[in-house]
């Protein structure tokens, strides 16, 4: 959870407070990873609540520094797992197609002949 200050953005780790929050943990979880100053102020928290927040303060984000552009992460592992799945599927078809056909076709023919005799 983040909150604005004049110097930057304060960061709070309220993980240990999730179960104890009077408004429920969903209120805190919905404020995760973003500036939740307005949410905090709009809720009309007491001075005790503001004092309690000090326990969860873990640092500040310097908003004056140049921003790091968002990076797109691409790993070859995703493609490797996809290739592995395709190889497995090809091997399964290669090694199981003939035995399945060798067993399946006679069963179907026998079932058809049996039903035709009735």
Protein backbone atom coordinates (compact mmCIF):
# COMPACT_ATOMS: atom_id res chain seq x y z
CA UNK A 1 0.00 0.00 0.00
CA UNK A 2 1.37 3.43 -0.92
CA UNK A 3 0.62 6.89 0.43
CA UNK A 4 1.86 10.26 -0.86
CA UNK A 5 4.14 12.55 1.10
CA UNK A 6 5.78 15.80 0.08
CA UNK A 7 9.12 14.05 -0.56
CA UNK A 8 7.89 10.92 -2.29
CA UNK A 9 5.57 8.02 -1.74
CA UNK A 10 5.46 6.19 1.55
CA UNK A 11 5.25 2.41 1.36
CA UNK A 12 3.52 0.29 3.97
CA UNK A 13 3.54 -3.48 4.43
CA UNK A 14 0.21 -4.24 6.07
CA UNK A 15 0.39 -8.00 5.54
CA UNK A 16 0.36 -8.72 9.28
CA UNK A 17 -2.67 -6.44 9.73
CA UNK A 18 -4.92 -8.08 7.11
CA UNK A 19 -6.83 -10.23 9.61
CA UNK A 20 -7.21 -7.38 12.12
CA UNK A 21 -8.37 -4.59 9.79
CA UNK A 22 -11.87 -3.49 10.88
CA UNK A 23 -12.94 -2.97 7.27
CA UNK A 24 -11.81 -6.44 6.23
CA UNK A 25 -8.77 -7.64 4.34
CA UNK A 26 -10.36 -6.99 0.95
CA UNK A 27 -10.13 -3.24 1.56
CA UNK A 28 -6.37 -3.48 2.07
CA UNK A 29 -5.87 -5.94 -0.77
CA UNK A 30 -7.68 -3.67 -3.21
CA UNK A 31 -5.17 -0.91 -2.38
CA UNK A 32 -2.14 -3.11 -3.04
CA UNK A 33 0.56 -1.82 -5.35
CA UNK A 34 -0.88 1.64 -5.92
CA UNK A 35 -1.21 5.04 -4.29
CA UNK A 36 -4.04 4.59 -1.83
CA UNK A 37 -3.80 7.97 -0.10
CA UNK A 38 -7.29 9.03 -1.21
CA UNK A 39 -8.79 5.72 -0.12
CA UNK A 40 -7.21 6.11 3.31
CA UNK A 41 -8.32 9.72 3.69
CA UNK A 42 -11.85 9.08 2.38
CA UNK A 43 -12.37 6.35 4.99
CA UNK A 44 -12.05 8.93 7.78
CA UNK A 45 -9.46 7.07 9.82
CA UNK A 46 -8.96 8.10 13.44
CA UNK A 47 -5.74 9.46 14.90
CA UNK A 48 -5.21 6.01 16.45
CA UNK A 49 -5.38 4.45 13.00
CA UNK A 50 -2.86 6.97 11.67
CA UNK A 51 -0.55 6.20 14.58
CA UNK A 52 -0.95 2.45 13.94
CA UNK A 53 0.15 2.97 10.33
CA UNK A 54 3.62 3.99 11.59
CA UNK A 55 4.22 0.37 12.61
CA UNK A 56 3.77 -0.78 9.00
CA UNK A 57 5.93 1.89 7.33
CA UNK A 58 8.78 0.24 5.38
CA UNK A 59 10.17 3.05 3.23
CA UNK A 60 9.63 5.64 0.54
CA UNK A 61 9.70 5.64 -3.22
CA UNK A 62 11.60 8.58 -4.67
CA UNK A 63 9.20 10.00 -7.24
CA UNK A 64 11.72 12.64 -8.37
CA UNK A 65 14.10 10.16 -9.96
CA UNK A 66 13.77 9.23 -13.59
CA UNK A 67 11.31 6.46 -14.13
CA UNK A 68 12.47 3.07 -15.26
CA UNK A 69 10.50 2.07 -18.35
CA UNK A 70 8.36 -0.98 -18.00
CA UNK A 71 10.10 -3.96 -19.50
CA UNK A 72 8.55 -6.80 -21.38
CA UNK A 73 9.97 -10.04 -20.07
CA UNK A 74 10.40 -12.84 -22.56
CA UNK A 75 11.89 -16.15 -21.66
CA UNK A 76 12.75 -19.03 -23.89
CA UNK A 77 11.47 -21.43 -21.23
CA UNK A 78 7.89 -20.78 -22.35
CA UNK A 79 8.73 -21.81 -25.88
CA UNK A 80 10.70 -24.81 -24.64
CA UNK A 81 7.75 -26.08 -22.65
CA UNK A 82 5.53 -25.59 -25.68
CA UNK A 83 8.00 -27.53 -27.85
CA UNK A 84 8.19 -30.27 -25.23
CA UNK A 85 4.41 -30.60 -25.22
CA UNK A 86 4.37 -30.86 -29.02
CA UNK A 87 7.12 -33.50 -29.00
CA UNK A 88 5.24 -35.51 -26.40
CA UNK A 89 2.02 -35.30 -28.40
CA UNK A 90 3.80 -36.37 -31.59
CA UNK A 91 5.44 -39.33 -29.84
CA UNK A 92 2.13 -40.35 -28.30
CA UNK A 93 0.45 -40.33 -31.68
CA UNK A 94 3.38 -42.14 -33.26
CA UNK A 95 3.59 -44.94 -30.68
CA UNK A 96 -0.06 -45.31 -29.70
CA UNK A 97 -1.91 -44.77 -32.97
CA UNK A 98 -1.15 -48.21 -34.46
CA UNK A 99 -1.90 -50.26 -31.31
CA UNK A 100 -5.09 -48.27 -30.71
CA UNK A 101 -6.20 -48.85 -34.29
CA UNK A 102 -5.20 -52.52 -34.16
CA UNK A 103 -7.35 -53.05 -31.08
CA UNK A 104 -10.09 -50.50 -31.75
CA UNK A 105 -11.05 -51.51 -35.30
CA UNK A 106 -11.68 -55.19 -34.46
CA UNK A 107 -13.76 -54.18 -31.44
CA UNK A 108 -15.90 -51.85 -33.54
CA UNK A 109 -16.29 -54.50 -36.29
CA UNK A 110 -17.20 -57.16 -33.71
CA UNK A 111 -19.75 -54.85 -32.07
CA UNK A 112 -21.33 -54.07 -35.44
CA UNK A 113 -21.49 -57.76 -36.42
CA UNK A 114 -22.92 -58.70 -33.02
CA UNK A 115 -25.60 -56.01 -33.22
CA UNK A 116 -26.39 -56.94 -36.85
CA UNK A 117 -26.96 -60.65 -35.94
CA UNK A 118 -29.59 -59.73 -33.35
